[in-house]
């Protein structure tokens, strides 16, 4: 954990705006590692950003300053990931999902945030949607960035969009074990393994770090006892698919909650989901868009365009 703390501190040093990083203790003794940028800007609805599988607050470094220029930005490590507590999650998909959602709501209450603009990437998008079904009065606008777990698993194999080679490689090595077990087995070679499987991460953050800071961060986020990862495994079948697909439930979000879906034009996630969400919510605001030259990690592939789009959405709220 101390190595994760050190590498994260190096990442957060890049922030220009005032920020506060601390543990937020929940009533059930779990702790959520939280970074708040521009805490002094209290006039507008805050933006809350939820990272994806295997990620953490540090991966938003290309977005934090821009998106907190005119409002407070909160980001946190999901329960079971990064520097947050790593409890034992329920083994069933619904139980695991609920545990995440309740932890987000308890975090919000403890933070004293009346309502928020809620943004989630990948697994974070799935959980932000689930949260919005349960607590719509807290969400002024739901922003889903390349969200995971929406489509139904196609019965026809030809309809399945191929995941990138690294996903296949990791999946084949792991089989039935947890998605990131390889990293933990690799021990001190872990950061090199991240670098080998995902050389693109180093390129994405090259403006800030010329060394392996980001690979080391991702490694140390995932080199601890698997908790959120085990929960994710309970929620998914064969990496790409959710056992409880969100497309079947998105109509349950209250009609007056606006939704924007942002995809990378080169992503492995099914981008036709946006159109399907529109059909499920005919009387609600649903906008879907693709950002050119971005893959799954839209916020890091095209940070300037991404930040401008998100800022425009936030300004439409207040």
Protein backbone atom coordinates (compact mmCIF):
# COMPACT_ATOMS: atom_id res chain seq x y z
CA UNK A 1 0.00 0.00 0.00
CA UNK A 2 2.86 2.41 0.80
CA UNK A 3 4.24 2.01 -2.75
CA UNK A 4 0.79 2.82 -4.14
CA UNK A 5 0.65 5.86 -1.84
CA UNK A 6 4.04 7.09 -3.10
CA UNK A 7 3.34 6.64 -6.79
CA UNK A 8 -0.10 8.26 -6.40
CA UNK A 9 1.42 11.22 -4.56
CA UNK A 10 3.75 11.71 -7.53
CA UNK A 11 0.73 11.75 -9.87
CA UNK A 12 -1.31 14.18 -7.74
CA UNK A 13 1.66 16.58 -7.52
CA UNK A 14 0.83 17.47 -11.13
CA UNK A 15 -2.43 19.15 -10.07
CA UNK A 16 -2.46 22.93 -10.32
CA UNK A 17 -5.77 23.48 -8.54
CA UNK A 18 -6.20 23.22 -4.81
CA UNK A 19 -7.01 19.65 -3.75
CA UNK A 20 -7.73 17.58 -0.69
CA UNK A 21 -6.87 13.84 -0.54
CA UNK A 22 -8.10 11.77 2.39
CA UNK A 23 -9.93 8.67 3.58
CA UNK A 24 -13.67 9.03 4.08
CA UNK A 25 -14.81 6.56 6.76
CA UNK A 26 -18.19 4.93 6.21
CA UNK A 27 -20.41 3.87 9.15
CA UNK A 28 -19.61 0.17 8.46
CA UNK A 29 -15.86 0.86 9.02
CA UNK A 30 -14.96 0.72 5.33
CA UNK A 31 -12.82 3.61 4.09
CA UNK A 32 -13.10 5.25 0.69
CA UNK A 33 -9.98 7.00 -0.62
CA UNK A 34 -11.18 10.36 -1.95
CA UNK A 35 -9.61 13.25 -3.86
CA UNK A 36 -11.52 16.53 -4.01
CA UNK A 37 -10.28 19.24 -6.38
CA UNK A 38 -11.32 22.91 -5.97
CA UNK A 39 -13.22 22.28 -2.71
CA UNK A 40 -13.73 26.04 -2.35
CA UNK A 41 -16.01 26.30 -5.44
CA UNK A 42 -19.33 25.64 -3.73
CA UNK A 43 -21.77 27.52 -5.98
CA UNK A 44 -22.27 24.83 -8.61
CA UNK A 45 -23.29 21.18 -8.62
CA UNK A 46 -20.15 19.10 -8.05
CA UNK A 47 -18.92 16.58 -10.59
CA UNK A 48 -18.27 13.07 -9.22
CA UNK A 49 -16.12 10.74 -11.35
CA UNK A 50 -16.14 6.94 -10.95
CA UNK A 51 -13.21 4.98 -12.44
CA UNK A 52 -13.33 1.63 -14.23
CA UNK A 53 -12.12 -1.89 -13.47
CA UNK A 54 -8.60 -2.05 -12.04
CA UNK A 55 -8.30 1.76 -12.00
CA UNK A 56 -8.19 4.48 -9.37
CA UNK A 57 -8.26 8.24 -8.86
CA UNK A 58 -4.80 8.72 -10.41
CA UNK A 59 -6.00 7.82 -13.90
CA UNK A 60 -8.09 11.04 -14.03
CA UNK A 61 -4.96 13.22 -13.82
CA UNK A 62 -5.39 14.54 -17.40
CA UNK A 63 -8.92 15.71 -16.56
CA UNK A 64 -8.97 16.89 -12.95
CA UNK A 65 -7.68 20.44 -13.35
CA UNK A 66 -9.80 21.26 -16.41
CA UNK A 67 -13.00 19.84 -14.98
CA UNK A 68 -12.56 21.59 -11.61
CA UNK A 69 -11.91 25.04 -13.08
CA UNK A 70 -15.45 26.22 -12.30
CA UNK A 71 -16.87 23.62 -9.88
CA UNK A 72 -15.76 21.13 -7.25
CA UNK A 73 -14.68 17.73 -8.56
CA UNK A 74 -14.75 14.60 -6.41
CA UNK A 75 -13.16 11.35 -7.41
CA UNK A 76 -12.66 8.25 -5.28
CA UNK A 77 -11.33 4.71 -5.44
CA UNK A 78 -14.28 2.35 -5.65
CA UNK A 79 -14.74 0.03 -2.68
CA UNK A 80 -12.41 -2.92 -3.26
CA UNK A 81 -10.06 -1.01 -5.60
CA UNK A 82 -7.06 1.31 -5.34
CA UNK A 83 -6.49 2.58 -1.82
CA UNK A 84 -10.05 1.99 -0.58
CA UNK A 85 -10.98 -0.82 1.83
CA UNK A 86 -11.08 -4.32 0.41
CA UNK A 87 -14.00 -6.12 2.06
CA UNK A 88 -15.40 -9.50 1.08
CA UNK A 89 -18.23 -8.88 -1.39
CA UNK A 90 -21.34 -11.05 -1.80
CA UNK A 91 -20.72 -13.82 -4.35
CA UNK A 92 -23.89 -13.28 -6.40
CA UNK A 93 -24.07 -10.64 -9.16
CA UNK A 94 -26.95 -8.67 -7.63
CA UNK A 95 -25.41 -8.70 -4.15
CA UNK A 96 -22.00 -7.57 -5.45
CA UNK A 97 -23.55 -4.75 -7.50
CA UNK A 98 -25.65 -3.59 -4.53
CA UNK A 99 -22.61 -3.50 -2.27
CA UNK A 100 -20.87 -1.11 -4.68
CA UNK A 101 -23.97 1.08 -5.06
CA UNK A 102 -24.63 1.30 -1.32
CA UNK A 103 -20.98 2.23 -0.74
CA UNK A 104 -21.32 5.10 -3.25
CA UNK A 105 -24.50 6.34 -1.58
CA UNK A 106 -23.03 6.09 1.93
CA UNK A 107 -19.93 7.93 0.68
CA UNK A 108 -22.17 10.70 -0.77
CA UNK A 109 -24.07 11.03 2.52
CA UNK A 110 -20.87 11.12 4.57
CA UNK A 111 -19.44 13.76 2.20
CA UNK A 112 -22.61 15.85 2.52
CA UNK A 113 -23.16 16.16 -1.26
CA UNK A 114 -26.88 16.94 -1.84
CA UNK A 115 -26.77 16.20 -5.59
CA UNK A 116 -24.15 15.69 -8.26
CA UNK A 117 -23.29 15.34 -11.91
CA UNK A 118 -22.31 11.65 -11.96
CA UNK A 119 -19.75 10.40 -14.47
CA UNK A 120 -18.64 6.77 -14.74
CA UNK A 121 -16.14 5.05 -17.03
CA UNK A 122 -16.45 1.38 -18.01
CA UNK A 123 -17.36 -0.60 -14.84
CA UNK A 124 -17.84 2.83 -13.20
CA UNK A 125 -20.47 3.62 -15.86
CA UNK A 126 -22.34 0.41 -15.06
CA UNK A 127 -22.30 1.22 -11.33
CA UNK A 128 -23.23 4.89 -11.88
CA UNK A 129 -26.27 3.70 -13.87
CA UNK A 130 -27.25 1.24 -11.15
CA UNK A 131 -26.84 4.05 -8.59
CA UNK A 132 -29.08 6.36 -10.67
CA UNK A 133 -31.85 3.73 -10.76
CA UNK A 134 -31.85 3.63 -6.96
CA UNK A 135 -31.11 7.29 -6.10
CA UNK A 136 -32.33 9.40 -9.05
CA UNK A 137 -32.96 12.45 -6.86
CA UNK A 138 -29.20 12.71 -6.29
CA UNK A 139 -28.23 12.78 -9.98
CA UNK A 140 -28.54 16.00 -12.01
CA UNK A 141 -26.98 14.44 -15.13
CA UNK A 142 -25.60 10.95 -15.74
CA UNK A 143 -22.51 10.82 -17.98
CA UNK A 144 -21.51 7.35 -19.18
CA UNK A 145 -18.07 7.02 -20.73
CA UNK A 146 -17.60 3.80 -22.70
CA UNK A 147 -19.78 2.04 -20.12
CA UNK A 148 -19.30 -1.68 -19.53
CA UNK A 149 -22.08 -4.22 -19.05
CA UNK A 150 -24.93 -2.80 -21.13
CA UNK A 151 -25.53 -5.18 -24.07
CA UNK A 152 -27.10 -8.62 -23.90
CA UNK A 153 -24.67 -11.35 -24.81
CA UNK A 154 -25.33 -12.15 -28.48
CA UNK A 155 -26.28 -15.72 -29.25
CA UNK A 156 -24.69 -15.46 -32.70
CA UNK A 157 -20.86 -15.50 -32.33
CA UNK A 158 -20.43 -13.43 -35.52
CA UNK A 159 -22.11 -10.48 -33.78
CA UNK A 160 -19.52 -10.37 -31.02
CA UNK A 161 -17.14 -7.45 -31.36
CA UNK A 162 -13.59 -8.69 -30.79
CA UNK A 163 -11.95 -7.37 -27.64
CA UNK A 164 -8.34 -6.17 -28.03
CA UNK A 165 -5.59 -8.79 -28.08
CA UNK A 166 -4.43 -7.93 -24.55
CA UNK A 167 -7.90 -8.72 -23.16
CA UNK A 168 -7.85 -12.07 -24.94
CA UNK A 169 -4.31 -12.77 -23.75
CA UNK A 170 -5.16 -11.97 -20.14
CA UNK A 171 -8.41 -13.97 -20.36
CA UNK A 172 -6.65 -17.03 -21.80
CA UNK A 173 -3.92 -16.95 -19.14
CA UNK A 174 -6.45 -16.56 -16.36
CA UNK A 175 -9.24 -18.87 -17.29
CA UNK A 176 -11.14 -19.28 -14.07
CA UNK A 177 -8.96 -17.19 -11.75
CA UNK A 178 -9.44 -13.49 -11.06
CA UNK A 179 -8.89 -11.09 -13.98
CA UNK A 180 -5.68 -9.57 -12.55
CA UNK A 181 -4.14 -12.61 -10.85
CA UNK A 182 -1.28 -12.62 -13.37
CA UNK A 183 -0.13 -9.22 -12.10
CA UNK A 184 0.00 -10.43 -8.52
CA UNK A 185 1.90 -13.60 -9.45
CA UNK A 186 4.37 -11.48 -11.41
CA UNK A 187 5.45 -9.71 -8.19
CA UNK A 188 8.29 -7.24 -8.83
CA UNK A 189 7.98 -7.86 -12.58
CA UNK A 190 4.37 -6.63 -12.45
CA UNK A 191 4.97 -3.05 -13.62
CA UNK A 192 6.94 -4.43 -16.59
CA UNK A 193 4.03 -6.73 -17.38
CA UNK A 194 1.59 -3.79 -17.36
CA UNK A 195 4.00 -1.95 -19.64
CA UNK A 196 4.16 -4.96 -22.00
CA UNK A 197 0.44 -5.65 -22.13
CA UNK A 198 -0.53 -1.97 -22.20
CA UNK A 199 2.28 0.14 -23.73
CA UNK A 200 -0.48 2.55 -24.80
CA UNK A 201 -0.95 3.71 -21.18
CA UNK A 202 2.55 5.17 -21.10
CA UNK A 203 1.86 7.06 -24.35
CA UNK A 204 -1.48 8.40 -23.13
CA UNK A 205 0.11 10.06 -20.09
CA UNK A 206 3.39 11.04 -21.79
CA UNK A 207 2.73 14.79 -21.38
CA UNK A 208 2.96 14.36 -17.62
CA UNK A 209 5.26 11.37 -17.11
CA UNK A 210 8.13 10.24 -19.29
CA UNK A 211 8.84 7.25 -17.04
CA UNK A 212 6.75 4.25 -15.94
CA UNK A 213 4.75 6.14 -13.29
CA UNK A 214 1.36 5.17 -14.72
CA UNK A 215 2.28 1.49 -15.27
CA UNK A 216 3.53 1.37 -11.67
CA UNK A 217 0.34 3.03 -10.45
CA UNK A 218 -1.87 0.50 -12.26
CA UNK A 219 0.30 -2.35 -10.97
CA UNK A 220 0.18 -1.22 -7.33
CA UNK A 221 -3.59 -0.56 -7.56
CA UNK A 222 -4.01 -4.22 -8.45
CA UNK A 223 -1.20 -5.99 -6.60
CA UNK A 224 -3.15 -6.26 -3.33
CA UNK A 225 -5.73 -8.71 -2.12
CA UNK A 226 -8.46 -8.93 -4.79
CA UNK A 227 -11.78 -7.65 -3.51
CA UNK A 228 -13.50 -5.39 -6.05
CA UNK A 229 -11.99 -7.63 -8.67
CA UNK A 230 -13.69 -10.71 -7.19
CA UNK A 231 -16.96 -8.72 -7.11
CA UNK A 232 -16.51 -7.78 -10.77
CA UNK A 233 -15.95 -11.46 -11.58
CA UNK A 234 -19.26 -12.29 -9.86
CA UNK A 235 -21.00 -9.66 -12.00
CA UNK A 236 -19.59 -10.74 -15.34
CA UNK A 237 -19.52 -13.71 -17.65
CA UNK A 238 -16.53 -14.13 -19.99
CA UNK A 239 -14.97 -10.67 -19.51
CA UNK A 240 -17.09 -8.66 -21.94
CA UNK A 241 -20.58 -9.38 -20.67
CA UNK A 242 -22.59 -8.55 -17.58
CA UNK A 243 -24.72 -11.27 -16.00
CA UNK A 244 -27.36 -8.59 -15.37
CA UNK A 245 -27.10 -6.41 -18.52
CA UNK A 246 -27.91 -2.76 -17.92
CA UNK A 247 -29.79 -2.29 -21.20
CA UNK A 248 -32.65 -4.29 -19.63
CA UNK A 249 -32.82 -1.91 -16.66
CA UNK A 250 -31.97 1.58 -17.92
CA UNK A 251 -35.67 2.40 -18.39
CA UNK A 252 -35.97 2.21 -14.58
CA UNK A 253 -34.04 5.47 -14.14
CA UNK A 254 -36.50 8.28 -13.46
CA UNK A 255 -37.58 10.02 -16.69
CA UNK A 256 -36.22 13.44 -15.74
CA UNK A 257 -32.60 12.28 -15.33
CA UNK A 258 -30.68 13.35 -18.46
CA UNK A 259 -28.09 10.89 -19.81
CA UNK A 260 -25.10 11.51 -22.08
CA UNK A 261 -23.11 8.55 -23.43
CA UNK A 262 -19.58 9.22 -24.67
CA UNK A 263 -17.73 6.55 -26.63
CA UNK A 264 -14.30 6.30 -28.20
CA UNK A 265 -14.64 5.77 -31.95
CA UNK A 266 -12.11 2.89 -31.77
CA UNK A 267 -13.41 1.21 -28.64
CA UNK A 268 -14.03 -2.53 -28.20
CA UNK A 269 -17.25 -1.69 -26.30
CA UNK A 270 -20.48 -1.93 -28.35
CA UNK A 271 -21.28 1.67 -29.30
CA UNK A 272 -24.72 0.83 -30.68
CA UNK A 273 -25.86 0.75 -27.04
CA UNK A 274 -26.42 4.53 -27.14
CA UNK A 275 -29.10 4.15 -29.82
CA UNK A 276 -30.73 1.33 -27.84
CA UNK A 277 -30.81 3.45 -24.68
CA UNK A 278 -32.63 6.17 -26.65
CA UNK A 279 -35.27 3.62 -27.66
CA UNK A 280 -35.66 2.51 -24.02
CA UNK A 281 -36.11 6.12 -22.86
CA UNK A 282 -38.28 7.77 -25.55
CA UNK A 283 -39.51 10.58 -23.27
CA UNK A 284 -36.13 11.43 -21.75
CA UNK A 285 -32.99 13.31 -22.71
CA UNK A 286 -30.44 10.83 -24.08
CA UNK A 287 -27.49 11.99 -26.15
CA UNK A 288 -24.83 9.68 -27.49
CA UNK A 289 -21.60 10.71 -29.16
CA UNK A 290 -18.28 9.31 -30.29
CA UNK A 291 -14.91 10.98 -29.82
CA UNK A 292 -12.63 10.47 -32.82
CA UNK A 293 -9.19 9.01 -32.24
CA UNK A 294 -10.12 7.55 -28.85
CA UNK A 295 -10.38 3.93 -27.75
CA UNK A 296 -11.84 2.60 -24.49
CA UNK A 297 -9.97 5.04 -22.21
CA UNK A 298 -11.55 8.07 -23.90
CA UNK A 299 -10.56 10.47 -21.09
CA UNK A 300 -6.85 9.67 -21.56
CA UNK A 301 -6.83 9.14 -25.35
CA UNK A 302 -8.33 12.54 -26.19
CA UNK A 303 -8.29 14.47 -22.91
CA UNK A 304 -8.78 17.95 -24.40
CA UNK A 305 -11.87 16.99 -26.41
CA UNK A 306 -13.19 14.85 -23.55
CA UNK A 307 -12.75 17.68 -21.02
CA UNK A 308 -14.47 20.18 -23.33
CA UNK A 309 -17.44 17.84 -23.85
CA UNK A 310 -17.83 17.11 -20.14
CA UNK A 311 -17.46 20.79 -19.24
CA UNK A 312 -20.23 21.68 -21.69
CA UNK A 313 -22.52 19.06 -20.08
CA UNK A 314 -21.72 20.41 -16.61
CA UNK A 315 -22.44 23.98 -17.74
CA UNK A 316 -25.83 22.83 -19.04
CA UNK A 317 -26.66 21.79 -15.45
CA UNK A 318 -25.56 25.07 -13.83
